[in-house]
Structure formats: structure tokens, C-alpha cells
Amino acid sequence: MVHPYLDDPSGVVALAHRGFSLDGRENSLAAFAAAVDLGFRYVETDAHATGDGVAVALHDATLDRTTDGRGRVADLPWSAVARARIGGTEPVPRLDELLGTWPDLRVNVDVKDARAVGPVAAAVERTRAHDRVCVTSFSRARRLATLARLTRPVATSAGTREVALFLAAHRAHASRAAARALRDVDCLQVPAAHGRLRVVDAGTVAAAHAAGRAVHVWTVNEPATMHHLLDLGVDGIVTDRADLLRDVLRARGAWL
């Protein structure tokens, strides 16, 4: 059974990476609003937790790169993080704020730190967003720990080790082992390549589909690459250039 998160009528999951912003306001409510205004039904975000247990939508472990604040999020109370401004203008959003602002928006949540596990689960529970959330992490342990705190299933994506096991089994023509590597997840979210290693090609897409798993590729910003991946049969694309992905999908008749 396909999780409701993945049940998109267009046939292509178009994910706006950290919302949509060309001026450094990533992971802000303004960036997520810009993606929604473009017509996106999916956004991707990252989650850390403050020292007093508030889950925030922020990629970095510190405030330094994207905000006018300083310090590690995990060492600061929410009151301090709330004063920081992304790009000098936008507040750092709480995860439950993102989930609650757009009740129909589907949100891909990358749990970045073990201390964020409980706060992320609490935000999903508080907003009852289970049907429209995908919990992912490079760490399988973090993902499973988050799921263990939820009262209902959410969609899930493979961690680094699971991806490696899947690719190794696929290349060894061990289809059962490849499927087994993905047995605990709903989708495979991966880069098109990792260094010289080609991760996404016709064979890996077919193997994931044979295992009943969707393939989402990150982070793709060139229209030619978007077209190529869609021609391969991928089920979703994560992009910083939501405007360009929308144009590509419109041209292919896959934008609702």
C-alpha cells in the first residue's frame, strides 16, 4: 500500500529544497510560501532541536551561515534562536509552525541530529501531520528512533547504509538482497551521483521499482538533468530551482 505522502496525482513528486529562495532565505516561512505560491505541494526541510527541545526547520547545526545569529542550535534556548533572522530578515521557523501553516502541504523532514528525534516526533504528533510527512535521515538509527515515537506511520526514506547495501546488491545482480535493503522504507532519496559513482541510472530505478519503492533525486537544478532523470523514470526531484522544475514539468504535461 502506498503511503498517502507519495500518492501525488501528477505522477511526479516535485520537492522544493528548503523552500524556494534565490536570495539566501532558505528554510524560512517566506521561502516555503514562495514554493507554495508557485504551486508546489511538497517541500523539503531539515530539523534540529534547540537546547530546550523545540524542533526548528534549519539545515545547519549552527545559526552562523544562514542567520544573523551565532552559536549551535542545540546549545541555545528557543528564545535565543527565535531572535535570529535568516538572511537578516526572516525568523527561524519551528517545525510545527511549518506543518501547521499549510495544512495540506507535504513536508520531507531530514532529522539532522539525535537530539532532534523527540522534538521532531512531537511536532508531527502535535499537528497530526502523519499522512503528509516523510521522515528521512542519513542515519537509520535516527529515523527509526523518530518513528518509534509516533502514534501513526509516516512515509520514510533510506539512510546511507541502506542505500549502499541496495546499490551493492543491485550491482551484484542480487535482486532479492536489493529489495531486502529497502524493506523498511517507502522511497529511495539519493543524489544522481556520488563522486565518480553513478547512483541513479535506468538499472537502479528499475531495481527500486521492482522492490516497490519510489526514487527521488536530489538536488537537481539544471533543466537538462531534470529531463534526463524523468526520462529514466524517477518518481521525484528535489531542487533549489523550483521555478525551473515547474517549467520542466509543465512542458512534459506533468504539472497540475
Protein backbone atom coordinates (compact mmCIF):
# COMPACT_ATOMS: atom_id res chain seq x y z
CA MET A 1 0.00 0.00 0.00
CA VAL A 2 1.37 3.41 -1.00
CA HIS A 3 1.65 5.87 1.87
CA PRO A 4 -0.58 8.96 1.33
CA TYR A 5 2.52 11.17 1.24
CA LEU A 6 3.59 9.54 -2.03
CA ASP A 7 0.15 9.49 -3.62
CA ASP A 8 0.50 12.51 -5.91
CA PRO A 9 -1.91 12.81 -8.86
CA SER A 10 0.70 14.35 -11.18
CA GLY A 11 2.84 11.23 -11.01
CA VAL A 12 5.98 13.25 -10.14
CA VAL A 13 6.85 14.38 -6.62
CA ALA A 14 8.30 17.88 -7.07
CA LEU A 15 10.12 18.89 -3.88
CA ALA A 16 11.19 22.47 -3.24
CA HIS A 17 14.52 22.12 -1.40
CA ARG A 18 14.40 24.25 1.77
CA GLY A 19 11.52 26.10 0.13
CA PHE A 20 12.27 28.44 -2.75
CA SER A 21 14.58 31.40 -2.36
CA LEU A 22 17.19 32.93 -4.61
CA ASP A 23 18.30 35.47 -2.02
CA GLY A 24 19.59 33.37 0.88
CA ARG A 25 16.36 32.94 2.85
CA GLU A 26 16.36 29.13 2.74
CA ASN A 27 14.23 27.25 5.27
CA SER A 28 12.23 30.36 6.13
CA LEU A 29 8.45 30.60 6.07
CA ALA A 30 8.89 33.14 3.26
CA ALA A 31 10.79 30.53 1.21
CA PHE A 32 8.17 27.88 1.86
CA ALA A 33 5.42 30.37 0.96
CA ALA A 34 7.21 31.14 -2.31
CA ALA A 35 7.22 27.44 -3.19
CA VAL A 36 3.53 27.14 -2.33
CA ASP A 37 2.79 30.22 -4.44
CA LEU A 38 4.50 28.52 -7.40
CA GLY A 39 2.10 25.61 -6.95
CA PHE A 40 4.37 23.16 -5.14
CA ARG A 41 2.65 20.58 -2.97
CA TYR A 42 5.92 19.28 -1.50
CA VAL A 43 8.79 20.99 0.29
CA GLU A 44 11.95 19.62 1.85
CA THR A 45 13.38 20.82 5.12
CA ASP A 46 15.89 19.83 7.79
CA ALA A 47 15.36 19.64 11.52
CA HIS A 48 17.49 20.42 14.54
CA ALA A 49 16.38 20.92 18.13
CA THR A 50 17.09 23.79 20.48
CA GLY A 51 18.55 23.20 23.91
CA ASP A 52 15.07 23.30 25.42
CA GLY A 53 13.60 20.82 22.95
CA VAL A 54 11.99 22.86 20.17
CA ALA A 55 12.28 21.37 16.67
CA VAL A 56 13.30 24.01 14.13
CA ALA A 57 13.44 23.93 10.33
CA LEU A 58 17.12 24.62 9.75
CA HIS A 59 19.82 22.79 7.81
CA ASP A 60 22.96 23.72 9.73
CA ALA A 61 23.82 22.77 13.29
CA THR A 62 24.67 26.44 13.91
CA LEU A 63 23.00 29.75 13.17
CA ASP A 64 26.17 31.22 11.71
CA ARG A 65 25.85 30.64 7.95
CA THR A 66 22.22 31.47 7.23
CA THR A 67 21.22 33.89 10.00
CA ASP A 68 22.49 36.98 11.77
CA GLY A 69 22.76 34.90 14.96
CA ARG A 70 25.64 32.84 16.27
CA GLY A 71 26.05 29.54 18.08
CA ARG A 72 24.98 25.91 17.99
CA VAL A 73 21.23 25.46 17.92
CA ALA A 74 21.46 22.59 20.41
CA ASP A 75 23.21 24.86 22.92
CA LEU A 76 20.66 27.68 22.69
CA PRO A 77 17.13 28.06 24.08
CA TRP A 78 14.29 28.64 21.63
CA SER A 79 14.03 32.25 22.84
CA ALA A 80 17.55 32.93 21.51
CA VAL A 81 17.03 31.06 18.22
CA ALA A 82 13.76 32.93 17.71
CA ARG A 83 15.65 36.24 17.69
CA ALA A 84 17.91 35.17 14.81
CA ARG A 85 16.96 36.26 11.30
CA ILE A 86 17.56 34.19 8.16
CA GLY A 87 19.20 36.42 5.57
CA GLY A 88 18.91 39.20 8.12
CA THR A 89 15.10 39.42 7.77
CA GLU A 90 13.24 36.15 8.33
CA PRO A 91 12.78 34.29 11.64
CA VAL A 92 13.82 30.66 12.03
CA PRO A 93 10.57 28.66 11.88
CA ARG A 94 9.59 25.95 14.31
CA LEU A 95 8.83 22.66 12.58
CA ASP A 96 5.29 22.60 13.95
CA GLU A 97 4.85 26.13 12.58
CA LEU A 98 5.78 24.93 9.10
CA LEU A 99 3.50 21.89 9.38
CA GLY A 100 0.64 23.97 10.76
CA THR A 101 0.78 26.95 8.41
CA TRP A 102 -0.16 24.94 5.31
CA PRO A 103 -2.38 22.01 6.43
CA ASP A 104 -2.23 20.31 3.01
CA LEU A 105 1.49 20.80 2.32
CA ARG A 106 3.60 17.64 2.26
CA VAL A 107 6.90 18.02 4.06
CA ASN A 108 10.06 15.96 3.74
CA VAL A 109 11.88 16.20 7.09
CA ASP A 110 15.57 15.29 7.38
CA VAL A 111 16.33 14.63 11.06
CA LYS A 112 19.85 16.03 11.37
CA ASP A 113 20.77 15.20 14.96
CA ALA A 114 19.88 12.62 17.60
CA ARG A 115 18.68 15.38 19.92
CA ALA A 116 16.07 16.36 17.32
CA VAL A 117 14.38 12.94 17.33
CA GLY A 118 11.92 13.58 20.15
CA PRO A 119 11.11 17.19 19.21
CA VAL A 120 10.52 16.23 15.55
CA ALA A 121 8.14 13.44 16.55
CA ALA A 122 6.36 15.80 18.94
CA ALA A 123 5.88 18.37 16.16
CA VAL A 124 4.36 15.74 13.86
CA GLU A 125 2.10 14.49 16.65
CA ARG A 126 1.03 17.98 17.64
CA THR A 127 0.00 18.90 14.10
CA ARG A 128 -1.34 15.42 13.23
CA ALA A 129 0.66 15.62 10.01
CA HIS A 130 1.44 11.89 9.69
CA ASP A 131 -0.16 11.45 6.26
CA ARG A 132 1.82 14.30 4.72
CA VAL A 133 5.27 13.83 6.24
CA CYS A 134 8.26 11.82 5.08
CA VAL A 135 10.86 11.27 7.79
CA THR A 136 14.37 10.75 6.50
CA SER A 137 17.90 10.85 7.81
CA PHE A 138 21.34 9.73 6.72
CA SER A 139 21.18 7.72 9.96
CA ARG A 140 18.84 4.73 10.02
CA ALA A 141 19.00 4.81 13.82
CA ARG A 142 17.72 8.40 13.94
CA ARG A 143 14.92 7.57 11.53
CA LEU A 144 13.81 4.51 13.48
CA ALA A 145 14.01 6.38 16.78
CA THR A 146 11.74 9.09 15.37
CA LEU A 147 9.24 6.54 14.05
CA ALA A 148 9.17 4.79 17.43
CA ARG A 149 7.80 7.97 19.00
CA LEU A 150 4.94 8.36 16.52
CA THR A 151 1.44 7.02 17.03
CA ARG A 152 0.79 6.59 13.29
CA PRO A 153 3.01 5.73 10.31
CA VAL A 154 4.71 8.38 8.19
CA ALA A 155 6.50 7.88 4.89
CA THR A 156 10.21 7.09 5.15
CA SER A 157 13.34 7.20 3.03
CA ALA A 158 16.50 5.09 3.13
CA GLY A 159 19.58 6.05 5.12
CA THR A 160 23.18 5.96 3.90
CA ARG A 161 23.90 2.32 4.83
CA GLU A 162 20.64 1.10 3.30
CA VAL A 163 21.42 2.92 0.06
CA ALA A 164 24.90 1.39 -0.01
CA LEU A 165 23.52 -2.11 0.57
CA PHE A 166 20.92 -1.62 -2.14
CA LEU A 167 23.49 -0.42 -4.69
CA ALA A 168 25.93 -3.22 -3.87
CA ALA A 169 23.22 -5.87 -4.19
CA HIS A 170 21.95 -4.37 -7.44
CA ARG A 171 25.42 -4.35 -8.96
CA ALA A 172 25.88 -7.96 -7.89
CA HIS A 173 22.60 -8.83 -9.67
CA ALA A 174 21.15 -9.94 -6.33
CA SER A 175 17.61 -8.63 -6.74
CA ARG A 176 16.27 -10.16 -3.54
CA ALA A 177 19.06 -8.62 -1.49
CA ALA A 178 18.48 -5.27 -3.18
CA ALA A 179 14.79 -5.40 -2.28
CA ARG A 180 15.64 -6.51 1.26
CA ALA A 181 17.89 -3.46 1.74
CA LEU A 182 14.85 -1.22 1.19
CA ARG A 183 12.30 -3.28 3.11
CA ASP A 184 11.88 -0.75 5.93
CA VAL A 185 11.37 2.37 3.79
CA ASP A 186 8.91 3.77 1.26
CA CYS A 187 11.33 5.53 -1.04
CA LEU A 188 14.93 5.93 -2.06
CA GLN A 189 16.09 9.57 -1.90
CA VAL A 190 19.57 9.87 -3.37
CA PRO A 191 21.89 12.10 -5.41
CA ALA A 192 22.23 11.28 -9.10
CA ALA A 193 25.91 10.53 -8.43
CA HIS A 194 28.31 10.37 -5.50
CA GLY A 195 31.75 11.37 -6.69
CA ARG A 196 32.51 9.04 -9.59
CA LEU A 197 29.82 6.58 -8.56
CA ARG A 198 26.68 6.78 -10.66
CA VAL A 199 23.81 6.27 -8.22
CA VAL A 200 20.79 6.81 -10.47
CA ASP A 201 20.56 5.12 -13.83
CA ALA A 202 17.94 3.06 -15.64
CA GLY A 203 19.05 -0.07 -13.79
CA THR A 204 18.86 1.35 -10.26
CA VAL A 205 15.49 2.96 -10.97
CA ALA A 206 14.15 -0.36 -12.28
CA ALA A 207 15.55 -2.23 -9.27
CA ALA A 208 13.95 0.19 -6.81
CA HIS A 209 10.64 -0.03 -8.65
CA ALA A 210 10.85 -3.82 -8.66
CA ALA A 211 11.14 -3.58 -4.86
CA GLY A 212 8.05 -1.35 -4.80
CA ARG A 213 10.00 1.77 -3.82
CA ALA A 214 9.87 5.26 -5.31
CA VAL A 215 13.06 7.07 -6.39
CA HIS A 216 13.58 10.77 -5.58
CA VAL A 217 16.77 12.51 -6.71
CA TRP A 218 18.47 15.47 -5.02
CA THR A 219 19.49 18.25 -5.55
CA VAL A 220 18.83 18.88 -9.25
CA ASN A 221 18.94 22.43 -10.58
CA GLU A 222 19.60 22.06 -14.33
CA PRO A 223 16.58 21.56 -16.64
CA ALA A 224 18.50 19.20 -18.94
CA THR A 225 19.32 16.95 -15.97
CA MET A 226 15.72 17.11 -14.78
CA HIS A 227 14.53 15.93 -18.20
CA HIS A 228 17.14 13.15 -18.26
CA LEU A 229 16.14 11.84 -14.84
CA LEU A 230 12.45 11.95 -15.66
CA ASP A 231 13.18 10.05 -18.87
CA LEU A 232 14.83 7.38 -16.70
CA GLY A 233 11.57 7.07 -14.79
CA VAL A 234 12.40 8.67 -11.44
CA ASP A 235 9.38 9.44 -9.28
CA GLY A 236 10.52 12.72 -7.78
CA ILE A 237 13.06 15.53 -7.97
CA VAL A 238 14.36 17.75 -5.18
CA THR A 239 15.50 21.17 -6.39
CA ASP A 240 16.68 24.61 -5.31
CA ARG A 241 15.19 25.94 -8.55
CA ALA A 242 11.52 25.29 -8.05
CA ASP A 243 10.76 27.74 -10.85
CA LEU A 244 12.76 25.73 -13.38
CA LEU A 245 11.39 22.36 -12.25
CA ARG A 246 7.85 23.70 -12.60
CA ASP A 247 8.64 24.77 -16.17
CA VAL A 248 10.10 21.36 -17.00
CA LEU A 249 7.08 19.53 -15.59
CA ARG A 250 4.70 21.87 -17.40
CA ALA A 251 6.48 21.15 -20.67
CA ARG A 252 6.08 17.43 -20.03
CA GLY A 253 2.42 17.69 -19.07
CA ALA A 254 3.18 16.59 -15.51
CA TRP A 255 2.27 19.73 -13.61
CA LEU A 256 -1.15 20.12 -12.01
